[in-house]
Amino acid sequence: MSDPQIIEGPGFRGRITGRLGDMLVIDAEVEADIPAHAADTEEFAIVVSGRFEVTINGTTLPCGPGDHLVVEAGVEHAIRVIEPGRLVLIGRM
């Protein structure tokens, strides 16, 4: 049986560390590229460590420690890992 506090997906493994209203706060290790996907709800992410290229609606942005992203609901986005690292994610999974 898997730990209900762990969320895994292509390229990442996250641990739920809390809640903000009905949203989850997740400490996520990002080790490999995360393929393009769209969430049903808005997502917010802060880069804690590592370096990434994030593509949102066809626009690619470099991201490193201290950078943050807001991805609106239904917007396709993907992450390419330059250097593995960690993100704090806030959203519904």
N, C-alpha and C. Protein backbone atom coordinates (compact mmCIF):
# COMPACT_ATOMS: atom_id res chain seq x y z
N MET A 1 0.84 -1.18 0.00
CA MET A 1 0.00 0.00 0.00
C MET A 1 0.88 1.24 0.00
N SER A 2 0.56 2.23 -0.83
CA SER A 2 1.39 3.43 -0.92
C SER A 2 1.04 4.43 0.18
N ASP A 3 1.98 5.29 0.50
CA ASP A 3 1.82 6.34 1.49
C ASP A 3 0.88 7.41 0.94
N PRO A 4 -0.23 7.72 1.62
CA PRO A 4 -1.17 8.72 1.09
C PRO A 4 -0.58 10.13 1.07
N GLN A 5 0.54 10.34 1.71
CA GLN A 5 1.18 11.64 1.73
C GLN A 5 2.15 11.83 0.57
N ILE A 6 2.33 10.79 -0.26
CA ILE A 6 3.26 10.83 -1.39
C ILE A 6 2.47 10.91 -2.70
N ILE A 7 2.88 11.82 -3.58
CA ILE A 7 2.30 11.93 -4.91
C ILE A 7 3.44 11.72 -5.91
N GLU A 8 3.24 10.81 -6.85
CA GLU A 8 4.27 10.55 -7.85
C GLU A 8 3.69 10.73 -9.25
N GLY A 9 4.53 11.18 -10.14
CA GLY A 9 4.15 11.34 -11.53
C GLY A 9 5.39 11.27 -12.38
N PRO A 10 5.24 11.34 -13.68
CA PRO A 10 6.42 11.32 -14.54
C PRO A 10 7.38 12.45 -14.18
N GLY A 11 8.59 12.09 -13.75
CA GLY A 11 9.63 13.07 -13.47
C GLY A 11 9.66 13.62 -12.06
N PHE A 12 8.62 13.35 -11.24
CA PHE A 12 8.65 13.92 -9.90
C PHE A 12 8.06 12.99 -8.85
N ARG A 13 8.47 13.25 -7.62
CA ARG A 13 7.93 12.56 -6.44
C ARG A 13 7.74 13.65 -5.39
N GLY A 14 6.52 13.79 -4.91
CA GLY A 14 6.23 14.84 -3.95
C GLY A 14 5.65 14.31 -2.66
N ARG A 15 5.88 15.09 -1.61
CA ARG A 15 5.34 14.76 -0.28
C ARG A 15 4.41 15.90 0.12
N ILE A 16 3.17 15.57 0.47
CA ILE A 16 2.22 16.59 0.91
C ILE A 16 2.67 17.06 2.29
N THR A 17 2.92 18.38 2.40
CA THR A 17 3.39 18.93 3.67
C THR A 17 2.32 19.75 4.38
N GLY A 18 1.22 20.06 3.68
CA GLY A 18 0.16 20.83 4.32
C GLY A 18 -0.95 21.15 3.34
N ARG A 19 -1.85 21.99 3.79
CA ARG A 19 -2.98 22.43 2.97
C ARG A 19 -3.13 23.94 3.09
N LEU A 20 -3.61 24.53 2.01
CA LEU A 20 -3.93 25.95 1.97
C LEU A 20 -5.36 26.01 1.44
N GLY A 21 -6.34 26.09 2.34
CA GLY A 21 -7.73 25.95 1.94
C GLY A 21 -7.93 24.56 1.38
N ASP A 22 -8.44 24.47 0.15
CA ASP A 22 -8.65 23.15 -0.45
C ASP A 22 -7.50 22.75 -1.37
N MET A 23 -6.38 23.50 -1.30
CA MET A 23 -5.21 23.21 -2.13
C MET A 23 -4.17 22.47 -1.28
N LEU A 24 -3.38 21.62 -1.95
CA LEU A 24 -2.29 20.90 -1.28
C LEU A 24 -0.99 21.67 -1.42
N VAL A 25 -0.15 21.61 -0.39
CA VAL A 25 1.21 22.13 -0.45
C VAL A 25 2.12 20.91 -0.54
N ILE A 26 2.93 20.87 -1.61
CA ILE A 26 3.72 19.67 -1.91
C ILE A 26 5.19 20.04 -2.08
N ASP A 27 6.05 19.34 -1.36
CA ASP A 27 7.50 19.45 -1.52
C ASP A 27 7.88 18.38 -2.55
N ALA A 28 8.25 18.80 -3.76
CA ALA A 28 8.45 17.86 -4.86
C ALA A 28 9.90 17.81 -5.31
N GLU A 29 10.42 16.60 -5.43
CA GLU A 29 11.73 16.37 -6.03
C GLU A 29 11.50 16.17 -7.52
N VAL A 30 12.20 16.95 -8.34
CA VAL A 30 12.05 16.85 -9.79
C VAL A 30 13.37 16.32 -10.34
N GLU A 31 13.36 15.07 -10.80
CA GLU A 31 14.57 14.39 -11.24
C GLU A 31 14.65 14.24 -12.76
N ALA A 32 13.50 14.29 -13.43
CA ALA A 32 13.45 14.06 -14.87
C ALA A 32 12.38 14.97 -15.47
N ASP A 33 12.43 15.10 -16.78
CA ASP A 33 11.48 15.96 -17.48
C ASP A 33 10.04 15.56 -17.15
N ILE A 34 9.18 16.57 -17.04
CA ILE A 34 7.76 16.36 -16.82
C ILE A 34 7.06 16.69 -18.13
N PRO A 35 6.40 15.72 -18.73
CA PRO A 35 5.78 15.95 -20.04
C PRO A 35 4.65 16.98 -19.97
N ALA A 36 4.29 17.51 -21.13
CA ALA A 36 3.22 18.49 -21.22
C ALA A 36 1.92 17.94 -20.64
N HIS A 37 1.28 18.77 -19.85
CA HIS A 37 0.01 18.41 -19.23
C HIS A 37 -0.73 19.70 -18.86
N ALA A 38 -1.99 19.59 -18.56
CA ALA A 38 -2.79 20.72 -18.10
C ALA A 38 -3.58 20.28 -16.88
N ALA A 39 -3.61 21.12 -15.85
CA ALA A 39 -4.37 20.81 -14.64
C ALA A 39 -5.75 21.46 -14.71
N ASP A 40 -6.67 20.91 -13.97
CA ASP A 40 -8.02 21.46 -13.93
C ASP A 40 -8.10 22.74 -13.10
N THR A 41 -7.08 22.98 -12.27
CA THR A 41 -7.07 24.15 -11.39
C THR A 41 -5.75 24.90 -11.53
N GLU A 42 -5.73 26.13 -11.04
CA GLU A 42 -4.51 26.93 -11.05
C GLU A 42 -3.45 26.26 -10.18
N GLU A 43 -2.17 26.40 -10.60
CA GLU A 43 -1.04 25.86 -9.84
C GLU A 43 -0.03 26.97 -9.60
N PHE A 44 0.62 26.91 -8.45
CA PHE A 44 1.68 27.86 -8.10
C PHE A 44 2.89 27.04 -7.69
N ALA A 45 4.08 27.42 -8.17
CA ALA A 45 5.31 26.68 -7.84
C ALA A 45 6.43 27.66 -7.54
N ILE A 46 7.24 27.32 -6.55
CA ILE A 46 8.46 28.05 -6.21
C ILE A 46 9.62 27.08 -6.38
N VAL A 47 10.65 27.51 -7.11
CA VAL A 47 11.84 26.68 -7.29
C VAL A 47 12.73 26.84 -6.05
N VAL A 48 12.99 25.73 -5.37
CA VAL A 48 13.84 25.73 -4.18
C VAL A 48 15.29 25.47 -4.58
N SER A 49 15.49 24.50 -5.48
CA SER A 49 16.83 24.20 -5.96
C SER A 49 16.72 23.60 -7.36
N GLY A 50 17.84 23.55 -8.05
CA GLY A 50 17.86 23.00 -9.40
C GLY A 50 17.64 24.07 -10.45
N ARG A 51 17.70 23.65 -11.70
CA ARG A 51 17.46 24.56 -12.83
C ARG A 51 16.57 23.85 -13.83
N PHE A 52 15.59 24.58 -14.34
CA PHE A 52 14.59 24.00 -15.22
C PHE A 52 14.28 24.96 -16.35
N GLU A 53 13.73 24.43 -17.43
CA GLU A 53 13.09 25.23 -18.46
C GLU A 53 11.63 24.82 -18.45
N VAL A 54 10.77 25.81 -18.25
CA VAL A 54 9.34 25.55 -18.19
C VAL A 54 8.70 26.12 -19.45
N THR A 55 7.93 25.28 -20.13
CA THR A 55 7.22 25.73 -21.32
C THR A 55 5.74 25.84 -20.97
N ILE A 56 5.20 27.05 -21.12
CA ILE A 56 3.80 27.32 -20.84
C ILE A 56 3.19 27.90 -22.10
N ASN A 57 2.20 27.19 -22.66
CA ASN A 57 1.53 27.66 -23.88
C ASN A 57 2.52 28.02 -24.99
N GLY A 58 3.57 27.20 -25.14
CA GLY A 58 4.53 27.40 -26.21
C GLY A 58 5.66 28.37 -25.92
N THR A 59 5.63 29.04 -24.76
CA THR A 59 6.69 29.97 -24.37
C THR A 59 7.58 29.28 -23.33
N THR A 60 8.90 29.27 -23.57
CA THR A 60 9.85 28.61 -22.67
C THR A 60 10.55 29.66 -21.81
N LEU A 61 10.57 29.39 -20.49
CA LEU A 61 11.18 30.28 -19.52
C LEU A 61 12.21 29.53 -18.70
N PRO A 62 13.39 30.13 -18.44
CA PRO A 62 14.35 29.50 -17.54
C PRO A 62 13.91 29.74 -16.09
N CYS A 63 14.12 28.76 -15.23
CA CYS A 63 13.75 28.88 -13.82
C CYS A 63 14.85 28.30 -12.95
N GLY A 64 15.16 29.02 -11.87
CA GLY A 64 16.15 28.58 -10.91
C GLY A 64 15.69 28.93 -9.51
N PRO A 65 16.53 28.68 -8.51
CA PRO A 65 16.16 28.93 -7.12
C PRO A 65 15.60 30.34 -6.91
N GLY A 66 14.46 30.39 -6.24
CA GLY A 66 13.81 31.66 -5.94
C GLY A 66 12.77 32.08 -6.97
N ASP A 67 12.81 31.50 -8.16
CA ASP A 67 11.81 31.84 -9.18
C ASP A 67 10.49 31.18 -8.83
N HIS A 68 9.42 31.79 -9.31
CA HIS A 68 8.10 31.19 -9.10
C HIS A 68 7.29 31.24 -10.39
N LEU A 69 6.29 30.39 -10.45
CA LEU A 69 5.43 30.28 -11.62
C LEU A 69 3.98 30.18 -11.17
N VAL A 70 3.11 30.78 -11.96
CA VAL A 70 1.68 30.59 -11.79
C VAL A 70 1.17 30.06 -13.12
N VAL A 71 0.50 28.92 -13.07
CA VAL A 71 -0.05 28.32 -14.28
C VAL A 71 -1.56 28.28 -14.11
N GLU A 72 -2.25 28.96 -14.99
CA GLU A 72 -3.71 29.01 -14.92
C GLU A 72 -4.32 27.64 -15.23
N ALA A 73 -5.51 27.42 -14.72
CA ALA A 73 -6.23 26.17 -14.97
C ALA A 73 -6.38 25.93 -16.47
N GLY A 74 -6.15 24.69 -16.88
CA GLY A 74 -6.35 24.31 -18.27
C GLY A 74 -5.23 24.68 -19.22
N VAL A 75 -4.16 25.31 -18.71
CA VAL A 75 -3.05 25.74 -19.57
C VAL A 75 -1.99 24.63 -19.63
N GLU A 76 -1.62 24.24 -20.85
CA GLU A 76 -0.62 23.20 -21.02
C GLU A 76 0.76 23.71 -20.61
N HIS A 77 1.48 22.88 -19.86
CA HIS A 77 2.83 23.24 -19.42
C HIS A 77 3.67 21.98 -19.25
N ALA A 78 5.00 22.15 -19.39
CA ALA A 78 5.94 21.04 -19.28
C ALA A 78 7.23 21.58 -18.64
N ILE A 79 8.00 20.68 -18.04
CA ILE A 79 9.28 21.06 -17.42
C ILE A 79 10.39 20.21 -18.02
N ARG A 80 11.46 20.88 -18.44
CA ARG A 80 12.68 20.19 -18.86
C ARG A 80 13.72 20.43 -17.78
N VAL A 81 14.30 19.36 -17.28
CA VAL A 81 15.28 19.45 -16.19
C VAL A 81 16.66 19.74 -16.76
N ILE A 82 17.25 20.84 -16.33
CA ILE A 82 18.64 21.17 -16.64
C ILE A 82 19.52 20.61 -15.52
N GLU A 83 19.07 20.81 -14.28
CA GLU A 83 19.74 20.30 -13.09
C GLU A 83 18.64 19.86 -12.12
N PRO A 84 18.59 18.59 -11.71
CA PRO A 84 17.53 18.13 -10.81
C PRO A 84 17.44 19.01 -9.56
N GLY A 85 16.24 19.11 -9.02
CA GLY A 85 16.06 19.95 -7.85
C GLY A 85 14.71 19.75 -7.20
N ARG A 86 14.29 20.79 -6.47
CA ARG A 86 13.04 20.72 -5.71
C ARG A 86 12.16 21.92 -6.01
N LEU A 87 10.87 21.68 -5.97
CA LEU A 87 9.85 22.72 -6.10
C LEU A 87 8.89 22.60 -4.93
N VAL A 88 8.35 23.73 -4.50
CA VAL A 88 7.19 23.71 -3.62
C VAL A 88 6.01 24.03 -4.52
N LEU A 89 5.06 23.10 -4.58
CA LEU A 89 3.88 23.24 -5.43
C LEU A 89 2.66 23.47 -4.57
N ILE A 90 1.78 24.35 -5.02
CA ILE A 90 0.49 24.54 -4.36
C ILE A 90 -0.57 24.38 -5.43
N GLY A 91 -1.45 23.42 -5.24
CA GLY A 91 -2.50 23.16 -6.21
C GLY A 91 -3.33 21.97 -5.78
N ARG A 92 -4.27 21.60 -6.60
CA ARG A 92 -5.09 20.41 -6.37
C ARG A 92 -4.55 19.31 -7.26
N MET A 93 -4.33 18.17 -6.71
CA MET A 93 -3.78 17.05 -7.47
C MET A 93 -4.81 15.97 -7.67
